[in-house]
């Protein structure tokens, strides 16, 4: 597991991610261990999920959960002054 000390290190780790290398683990001193998982979005698969009412509710619930736990997008990570 790599130790990162700056946002540039985090962004370098993220930029190296791809379909084969889809999990990034690193330690941020003073904050803890982080795991980032790359999930490629396929519009056709997303459309199929939305057509299923049960799965549609799961998508809605997970989106709400992301907001509740404070999930951050890559652009929000870049703007975070604490990283």
PDB file of N, CA and C in Angstrom:
ATOM      1  N   UNK A   1       0.853  -1.164   0.000  1.00  0.00           N
ATOM      2  CA  UNK A   1       0.000   0.000   0.000  1.00  0.00           C
ATOM      3  C   UNK A   1       0.905   1.236   0.000  1.00  0.00           C
ATOM      4  N   UNK A   2       0.587   2.171  -0.880  1.00  0.00           N
ATOM      5  CA  UNK A   2       1.404   3.358  -1.043  1.00  0.00           C
ATOM      6  C   UNK A   2       0.982   4.449  -0.069  1.00  0.00           C
ATOM      7  N   UNK A   3       1.963   5.167   0.454  1.00  0.00           N
ATOM      8  CA  UNK A   3       1.690   6.311   1.312  1.00  0.00           C
ATOM      9  C   UNK A   3       1.727   7.565   0.443  1.00  0.00           C
ATOM     10  N   UNK A   4       0.691   8.372   0.522  1.00  0.00           N
ATOM     11  CA  UNK A   4       0.645   9.608  -0.262  1.00  0.00           C
ATOM     12  C   UNK A   4       0.767  10.802   0.665  1.00  0.00           C
ATOM     13  N   UNK A   5       1.383  11.850   0.171  1.00  0.00           N
ATOM     14  CA  UNK A   5       1.602  13.042   0.992  1.00  0.00           C
ATOM     15  C   UNK A   5       1.026  14.308   0.365  1.00  0.00           C
ATOM     16  N   UNK A   6       0.519  14.216  -0.854  1.00  0.00           N
ATOM     17  CA  UNK A   6      -0.023  15.409  -1.506  1.00  0.00           C
ATOM     18  C   UNK A   6      -1.162  15.012  -2.438  1.00  0.00           C
ATOM     19  N   UNK A   7      -1.935  16.009  -2.840  1.00  0.00           N
ATOM     20  CA  UNK A   7      -3.029  15.761  -3.774  1.00  0.00           C
ATOM     21  C   UNK A   7      -2.478  15.296  -5.115  1.00  0.00           C
ATOM     22  N   UNK A   8      -1.290  15.748  -5.457  1.00  0.00           N
ATOM     23  CA  UNK A   8      -0.671  15.315  -6.716  1.00  0.00           C
ATOM     24  C   UNK A   8      -0.416  13.804  -6.694  1.00  0.00           C
ATOM     25  N   UNK A   9       0.009  13.277  -5.537  1.00  0.00           N
ATOM     26  CA  UNK A   9       0.211  11.831  -5.404  1.00  0.00           C
ATOM     27  C   UNK A   9      -1.105  11.073  -5.564  1.00  0.00           C
ATOM     28  N   UNK A  10      -2.174  11.615  -4.969  1.00  0.00           N
ATOM     29  CA  UNK A  10      -3.492  10.980  -5.080  1.00  0.00           C
ATOM     30  C   UNK A  10      -3.945  10.993  -6.539  1.00  0.00           C
ATOM     31  N   UNK A  11      -3.815  12.133  -7.192  1.00  0.00           N
ATOM     32  CA  UNK A  11      -4.241  12.238  -8.585  1.00  0.00           C
ATOM     33  C   UNK A  11      -3.404  11.342  -9.489  1.00  0.00           C
ATOM     34  N   UNK A  12      -2.129  11.173  -9.185  1.00  0.00           N
ATOM     35  CA  UNK A  12      -1.277  10.260  -9.954  1.00  0.00           C
ATOM     36  C   UNK A  12      -1.784   8.827  -9.812  1.00  0.00           C
ATOM     37  N   UNK A  13      -2.138   8.439  -8.596  1.00  0.00           N
ATOM     38  CA  UNK A  13      -2.678   7.100  -8.366  1.00  0.00           C
ATOM     39  C   UNK A  13      -3.981   6.899  -9.139  1.00  0.00           C
ATOM     40  N   UNK A  14      -4.851   7.913  -9.106  1.00  0.00           N
ATOM     41  CA  UNK A  14      -6.134   7.814  -9.802  1.00  0.00           C
ATOM     42  C   UNK A  14      -5.923   7.769 -11.311  1.00  0.00           C
ATOM     43  N   UNK A  15      -5.012   8.584 -11.818  1.00  0.00           N
ATOM     44  CA  UNK A  15      -4.793   8.626 -13.271  1.00  0.00           C
ATOM     45  C   UNK A  15      -4.208   7.322 -13.801  1.00  0.00           C
ATOM     46  N   UNK A  16      -3.577   6.540 -12.944  1.00  0.00           N
ATOM     47  CA  UNK A  16      -3.007   5.259 -13.363  1.00  0.00           C
ATOM     48  C   UNK A  16      -4.040   4.132 -13.348  1.00  0.00           C
ATOM     49  N   UNK A  17      -5.248   4.426 -12.914  1.00  0.00           N
ATOM     50  CA  UNK A  17      -6.282   3.395 -12.841  1.00  0.00           C
ATOM     51  C   UNK A  17      -6.884   3.145 -14.219  1.00  0.00           C
ATOM     52  N   UNK A  18      -7.239   1.886 -14.478  1.00  0.00           N
ATOM     53  CA  UNK A  18      -7.903   1.506 -15.726  1.00  0.00           C
ATOM     54  C   UNK A  18      -8.732   0.261 -15.456  1.00  0.00           C
ATOM     55  N   UNK A  19      -9.248  -0.338 -16.506  1.00  0.00           N
ATOM     56  CA  UNK A  19     -10.117  -1.498 -16.344  1.00  0.00           C
ATOM     57  C   UNK A  19      -9.403  -2.663 -15.644  1.00  0.00           C
ATOM     58  N   UNK A  20      -8.135  -2.883 -15.967  1.00  0.00           N
ATOM     59  CA  UNK A  20      -7.379  -3.974 -15.356  1.00  0.00           C
ATOM     60  C   UNK A  20      -6.851  -3.600 -13.966  1.00  0.00           C
ATOM     61  N   UNK A  21      -6.567  -2.325 -13.756  1.00  0.00           N
ATOM     62  CA  UNK A  21      -6.035  -1.820 -12.493  1.00  0.00           C
ATOM     63  C   UNK A  21      -7.104  -0.914 -11.879  1.00  0.00           C
ATOM     64  N   UNK A  22      -8.189  -1.515 -11.367  1.00  0.00           N
ATOM     65  CA  UNK A  22      -9.364  -0.743 -10.980  1.00  0.00           C
ATOM     66  C   UNK A  22      -9.473  -0.455  -9.485  1.00  0.00           C
ATOM     67  N   UNK A  23      -8.512  -0.916  -8.689  1.00  0.00           N
ATOM     68  CA  UNK A  23      -8.542  -0.658  -7.247  1.00  0.00           C
ATOM     69  C   UNK A  23      -7.254   0.042  -6.841  1.00  0.00           C
ATOM     70  N   UNK A  24      -7.419   1.145  -6.131  1.00  0.00           N
ATOM     71  CA  UNK A  24      -6.276   1.926  -5.663  1.00  0.00           C
ATOM     72  C   UNK A  24      -6.363   2.022  -4.142  1.00  0.00           C
ATOM     73  N   UNK A  25      -5.314   1.579  -3.468  1.00  0.00           N
ATOM     74  CA  UNK A  25      -5.275   1.655  -2.011  1.00  0.00           C
ATOM     75  C   UNK A  25      -4.095   2.522  -1.619  1.00  0.00           C
ATOM     76  N   UNK A  26      -4.322   3.429  -0.667  1.00  0.00           N
ATOM     77  CA  UNK A  26      -3.218   4.256  -0.191  1.00  0.00           C
ATOM     78  C   UNK A  26      -3.488   4.699   1.237  1.00  0.00           C
ATOM     79  N   UNK A  27      -2.432   5.146   1.884  1.00  0.00           N
ATOM     80  CA  UNK A  27      -2.518   5.642   3.253  1.00  0.00           C
ATOM     81  C   UNK A  27      -2.230   7.131   3.224  1.00  0.00           C
ATOM     82  N   UNK A  28      -3.087   7.895   3.866  1.00  0.00           N
ATOM     83  CA  UNK A  28      -2.882   9.325   4.013  1.00  0.00           C
ATOM     84  C   UNK A  28      -2.521   9.559   5.478  1.00  0.00           C
ATOM     85  N   UNK A  29      -1.262   9.917   5.768  1.00  0.00           N
ATOM     86  CA  UNK A  29      -0.829  10.080   7.158  1.00  0.00           C
ATOM     87  C   UNK A  29      -1.744  11.040   7.930  1.00  0.00           C
ATOM     88  N   UNK A  30      -2.145  10.601   9.094  1.00  0.00           N
ATOM     89  CA  UNK A  30      -3.019  11.403   9.934  1.00  0.00           C
ATOM     90  C   UNK A  30      -4.495  11.243   9.629  1.00  0.00           C
ATOM     91  N   UNK A  31      -4.838  10.609   8.508  1.00  0.00           N
ATOM     92  CA  UNK A  31      -6.243  10.423   8.127  1.00  0.00           C
ATOM     93  C   UNK A  31      -6.644   8.965   8.103  1.00  0.00           C
ATOM     94  N   UNK A  32      -5.780   8.116   7.569  1.00  0.00           N
ATOM     95  CA  UNK A  32      -6.114   6.703   7.519  1.00  0.00           C
ATOM     96  C   UNK A  32      -5.911   6.089   6.152  1.00  0.00           C
ATOM     97  N   UNK A  33      -6.511   4.918   5.990  1.00  0.00           N
ATOM     98  CA  UNK A  33      -6.374   4.116   4.771  1.00  0.00           C
ATOM     99  C   UNK A  33      -7.557   4.379   3.850  1.00  0.00           C
ATOM    100  N   UNK A  34      -7.287   4.526   2.563  1.00  0.00           N
ATOM    101  CA  UNK A  34      -8.323   4.787   1.578  1.00  0.00           C
ATOM    102  C   UNK A  34      -8.273   3.724   0.490  1.00  0.00           C
ATOM    103  N   UNK A  35      -9.451   3.362   0.003  1.00  0.00           N
ATOM    104  CA  UNK A  35      -9.569   2.440  -1.126  1.00  0.00           C
ATOM    105  C   UNK A  35     -10.476   3.112  -2.144  1.00  0.00           C
ATOM    106  N   UNK A  36      -9.978   3.254  -3.363  1.00  0.00           N
ATOM    107  CA  UNK A  36     -10.763   3.832  -4.451  1.00  0.00           C
ATOM    108  C   UNK A  36     -10.995   2.738  -5.475  1.00  0.00           C
ATOM    109  N   UNK A  37     -12.246   2.590  -5.899  1.00  0.00           N
ATOM    110  CA  UNK A  37     -12.598   1.574  -6.886  1.00  0.00           C
ATOM    111  C   UNK A  37     -13.118   2.277  -8.133  1.00  0.00           C
ATOM    112  N   UNK A  38     -12.499   1.987  -9.267  1.00  0.00           N
ATOM    113  CA  UNK A  38     -12.933   2.552 -10.541  1.00  0.00           C
ATOM    114  C   UNK A  38     -14.107   1.733 -11.061  1.00  0.00           C
ATOM    115  N   UNK A  39     -15.207   2.406 -11.313  1.00  0.00           N
ATOM    116  CA  UNK A  39     -16.383   1.749 -11.868  1.00  0.00           C
ATOM    117  C   UNK A  39     -16.718   2.436 -13.173  1.00  0.00           C
ATOM    118  N   UNK A  40     -16.457   1.748 -14.275  1.00  0.00           N
ATOM    119  CA  UNK A  40     -16.759   2.326 -15.571  1.00  0.00           C
ATOM    120  C   UNK A  40     -18.258   2.309 -15.782  1.00  0.00           C
ATOM    121  N   UNK A  41     -18.766   3.416 -16.270  1.00  0.00           N
ATOM    122  CA  UNK A  41     -20.203   3.528 -16.485  1.00  0.00           C
ATOM    123  C   UNK A  41     -20.519   3.246 -17.939  1.00  0.00           C
ATOM    124  N   UNK A  42     -21.409   2.317 -18.123  1.00  0.00           N
ATOM    125  CA  UNK A  42     -21.875   1.958 -19.453  1.00  0.00           C
ATOM    126  C   UNK A  42     -23.334   2.395 -19.541  1.00  0.00           C
ATOM    127  N   UNK A  43     -23.633   3.316 -20.457  1.00  0.00           N
ATOM    128  CA  UNK A  43     -24.983   3.861 -20.544  1.00  0.00           C
ATOM    129  C   UNK A  43     -26.035   2.786 -20.767  1.00  0.00           C
ATOM    130  N   UNK A  44     -25.711   1.756 -21.538  1.00  0.00           N
ATOM    131  CA  UNK A  44     -26.701   0.713 -21.798  1.00  0.00           C
ATOM    132  C   UNK A  44     -26.993  -0.092 -20.536  1.00  0.00           C
ATOM    133  N   UNK A  45     -25.984  -0.357 -19.716  1.00  0.00           N
ATOM    134  CA  UNK A  45     -26.230  -1.114 -18.486  1.00  0.00           C
ATOM    135  C   UNK A  45     -26.982  -0.268 -17.471  1.00  0.00           C
ATOM    136  N   UNK A  46     -26.691   1.042 -17.430  1.00  0.00           N
ATOM    137  CA  UNK A  46     -27.419   1.928 -16.530  1.00  0.00           C
ATOM    138  C   UNK A  46     -28.879   1.998 -16.933  1.00  0.00           C
ATOM    139  N   UNK A  47     -29.139   2.057 -18.221  1.00  0.00           N
ATOM    140  CA  UNK A  47     -30.514   2.107 -18.723  1.00  0.00           C
ATOM    141  C   UNK A  47     -31.271   0.828 -18.343  1.00  0.00           C
ATOM    142  N   UNK A  48     -30.598  -0.314 -18.417  1.00  0.00           N
ATOM    143  CA  UNK A  48     -31.241  -1.579 -18.058  1.00  0.00           C
ATOM    144  C   UNK A  48     -31.595  -1.603 -16.575  1.00  0.00           C
ATOM    145  N   UNK A  49     -30.751  -1.046 -15.729  1.00  0.00           N
ATOM    146  CA  UNK A  49     -31.027  -1.000 -14.288  1.00  0.00           C
ATOM    147  C   UNK A  49     -32.247  -0.144 -14.019  1.00  0.00           C
ATOM    148  N   UNK A  50     -32.334   1.004 -14.684  1.00  0.00           N
ATOM    149  CA  UNK A  50     -33.437   1.926 -14.443  1.00  0.00           C
ATOM    150  C   UNK A  50     -34.773   1.319 -14.864  1.00  0.00           C
ATOM    151  N   UNK A  51     -34.778   0.394 -15.816  1.00  0.00           N
ATOM    152  CA  UNK A  51     -36.022  -0.231 -16.247  1.00  0.00           C
ATOM    153  C   UNK A  51     -36.544  -1.233 -15.227  1.00  0.00           C
ATOM    154  N   UNK A  52     -35.716  -1.691 -14.311  1.00  0.00           N
ATOM    155  CA  UNK A  52     -36.128  -2.627 -13.279  1.00  0.00           C
ATOM    156  C   UNK A  52     -36.468  -1.822 -12.016  1.00  0.00           C
ATOM    157  N   UNK A  53     -37.736  -1.825 -11.554  1.00  0.00           N
ATOM    158  CA  UNK A  53     -38.139  -0.998 -10.410  1.00  0.00           C
ATOM    159  C   UNK A  53     -37.349  -1.296  -9.131  1.00  0.00           C
ATOM    160  N   UNK A  54     -37.038  -2.556  -8.883  1.00  0.00           N
ATOM    161  CA  UNK A  54     -36.267  -2.915  -7.688  1.00  0.00           C
ATOM    162  C   UNK A  54     -34.865  -2.326  -7.753  1.00  0.00           C
ATOM    163  N   UNK A  55     -34.214  -2.486  -8.899  1.00  0.00           N
ATOM    164  CA  UNK A  55     -32.864  -1.953  -9.053  1.00  0.00           C
ATOM    165  C   UNK A  55     -32.868  -0.428  -9.101  1.00  0.00           C
ATOM    166  N   UNK A  56     -33.912   0.134  -9.669  1.00  0.00           N
ATOM    167  CA  UNK A  56     -34.026   1.595  -9.696  1.00  0.00           C
ATOM    168  C   UNK A  56     -34.053   2.147  -8.272  1.00  0.00           C
ATOM    169  N   UNK A  57     -34.786   1.480  -7.389  1.00  0.00           N
ATOM    170  CA  UNK A  57     -34.839   1.919  -5.992  1.00  0.00           C
ATOM    171  C   UNK A  57     -33.462   1.778  -5.327  1.00  0.00           C
ATOM    172  N   UNK A  58     -32.726   0.716  -5.656  1.00  0.00           N
ATOM    173  CA  UNK A  58     -31.379   0.554  -5.117  1.00  0.00           C
ATOM    174  C   UNK A  58     -30.456   1.676  -5.566  1.00  0.00           C
ATOM    175  N   UNK A  59     -30.580   2.086  -6.833  1.00  0.00           N
ATOM    176  CA  UNK A  59     -29.768   3.199  -7.340  1.00  0.00           C
ATOM    177  C   UNK A  59     -30.102   4.474  -6.579  1.00  0.00           C
ATOM    178  N   UNK A  60     -31.379   4.729  -6.377  1.00  0.00           N
ATOM    179  CA  UNK A  60     -31.805   5.923  -5.637  1.00  0.00           C
ATOM    180  C   UNK A  60     -31.292   5.874  -4.203  1.00  0.00           C
ATOM    181  N   UNK A  61     -31.417   4.717  -3.557  1.00  0.00           N
ATOM    182  CA  UNK A  61     -30.955   4.569  -2.176  1.00  0.00           C
ATOM    183  C   UNK A  61     -29.454   4.763  -2.065  1.00  0.00           C
ATOM    184  N   UNK A  62     -28.693   4.189  -2.986  1.00  0.00           N
ATOM    185  CA  UNK A  62     -27.235   4.302  -2.910  1.00  0.00           C
ATOM    186  C   UNK A  62     -26.787   5.730  -3.171  1.00  0.00           C
ATOM    187  N   UNK A  63     -27.479   6.442  -4.043  1.00  0.00           N
ATOM    188  CA  UNK A  63     -27.142   7.843  -4.284  1.00  0.00           C
ATOM    189  C   UNK A  63     -27.375   8.658  -3.022  1.00  0.00           C
ATOM    190  N   UNK A  64     -28.462   8.393  -2.340  1.00  0.00           N
ATOM    191  CA  UNK A  64     -28.731   9.084  -1.082  1.00  0.00           C
ATOM    192  C   UNK A  64     -27.704   8.739  -0.028  1.00  0.00           C
ATOM    193  N   UNK A  65     -27.277   7.485   0.004  1.00  0.00           N
ATOM    194  CA  UNK A  65     -26.273   7.050   0.966  1.00  0.00           C
ATOM    195  C   UNK A  65     -24.949   7.741   0.703  1.00  0.00           C
ATOM    196  N   UNK A  66     -24.566   7.886  -0.572  1.00  0.00           N
ATOM    197  CA  UNK A  66     -23.321   8.582  -0.907  1.00  0.00           C
ATOM    198  C   UNK A  66     -23.338  10.005  -0.358  1.00  0.00           C
ATOM    199  N   UNK A  67     -24.480  10.668  -0.463  1.00  0.00           N
ATOM    200  CA  UNK A  67     -24.593  12.035   0.044  1.00  0.00           C
ATOM    201  C   UNK A  67     -24.536  12.048   1.565  1.00  0.00           C
ATOM    202  N   UNK A  68     -25.162  11.046   2.207  1.00  0.00           N
ATOM    203  CA  UNK A  68     -25.182  10.970   3.664  1.00  0.00           C
ATOM    204  C   UNK A  68     -23.787  10.761   4.240  1.00  0.00           C
ATOM    205  N   UNK A  69     -23.006   9.869   3.635  1.00  0.00           N
ATOM    206  CA  UNK A  69     -21.694   9.554   4.203  1.00  0.00           C
ATOM    207  C   UNK A  69     -20.614  10.497   3.708  1.00  0.00           C
ATOM    208  N   UNK A  70     -20.964  11.412   2.839  1.00  0.00           N
ATOM    209  CA  UNK A  70     -20.001  12.400   2.383  1.00  0.00           C
ATOM    210  C   UNK A  70     -19.057  11.891   1.318  1.00  0.00           C
ATOM    211  N   UNK A  71     -19.546  11.060   0.414  1.00  0.00           N
ATOM    212  CA  UNK A  71     -18.701  10.583  -0.679  1.00  0.00           C
ATOM    213  C   UNK A  71     -18.266  11.782  -1.516  1.00  0.00           C
ATOM    214  N   UNK A  72     -17.027  11.740  -2.022  1.00  0.00           N
ATOM    215  CA  UNK A  72     -16.481  12.865  -2.778  1.00  0.00           C
ATOM    216  C   UNK A  72     -16.115  12.440  -4.186  1.00  0.00           C
ATOM    217  N   UNK A  73     -16.396  13.311  -5.129  1.00  0.00           N
ATOM    218  CA  UNK A  73     -15.978  13.067  -6.506  1.00  0.00           C
ATOM    219  C   UNK A  73     -14.503  13.417  -6.647  1.00  0.00           C
ATOM    220  N   UNK A  74     -13.907  13.037  -7.766  1.00  0.00           N
ATOM    221  CA  UNK A  74     -12.491  13.346  -8.000  1.00  0.00           C
ATOM    222  C   UNK A  74     -12.263  14.856  -8.022  1.00  0.00           C
ATOM    223  N   UNK A  75     -13.183  15.611  -8.609  1.00  0.00           N
ATOM    224  CA  UNK A  75     -13.011  17.073  -8.645  1.00  0.00           C
ATOM    225  C   UNK A  75     -13.115  17.676  -7.248  1.00  0.00           C
ATOM    226  N   UNK A  76     -13.966  17.110  -6.398  1.00  0.00           N
ATOM    227  CA  UNK A  76     -14.051  17.588  -5.005  1.00  0.00           C
ATOM    228  C   UNK A  76     -12.775  17.263  -4.253  1.00  0.00           C
ATOM    229  N   UNK A  77     -12.193  16.108  -4.517  1.00  0.00           N
ATOM    230  CA  UNK A  77     -10.916  15.767  -3.886  1.00  0.00           C
ATOM    231  C   UNK A  77      -9.835  16.770  -4.262  1.00  0.00           C
ATOM    232  N   UNK A  78      -9.816  17.170  -5.522  1.00  0.00           N
ATOM    233  CA  UNK A  78      -8.795  18.117  -5.986  1.00  0.00           C
ATOM    234  C   UNK A  78      -8.951  19.479  -5.312  1.00  0.00           C
ATOM    235  N   UNK A  79     -10.178  19.869  -4.991  1.00  0.00           N
ATOM    236  CA  UNK A  79     -10.415  21.176  -4.362  1.00  0.00           C
ATOM    237  C   UNK A  79     -10.245  21.136  -2.852  1.00  0.00           C
ATOM    238  N   UNK A  80     -10.100  19.956  -2.263  1.00  0.00           N
ATOM    239  CA  UNK A  80     -10.018  19.817  -0.811  1.00  0.00           C
ATOM    240  C   UNK A  80      -8.670  20.322  -0.311  1.00  0.00           C
ATOM    241  N   UNK A  81      -8.653  21.388   0.501  1.00  0.00           N
ATOM    242  CA  UNK A  81      -7.377  21.946   0.978  1.00  0.00           C
ATOM    243  C   UNK A  81      -6.691  21.079   2.025  1.00  0.00           C
ATOM    244  N   UNK A  82      -7.389  20.094   2.569  1.00  0.00           N
ATOM    245  CA  UNK A  82      -6.811  19.260   3.615  1.00  0.00           C
ATOM    246  C   UNK A  82      -6.030  18.084   3.076  1.00  0.00           C
ATOM    247  N   UNK A  83      -6.074  17.880   1.767  1.00  0.00           N
ATOM    248  CA  UNK A  83      -5.322  16.771   1.176  1.00  0.00           C
ATOM    249  C   UNK A  83      -4.050  17.257   0.652  1.00  0.00           C
TER     250      UNK A  83
END
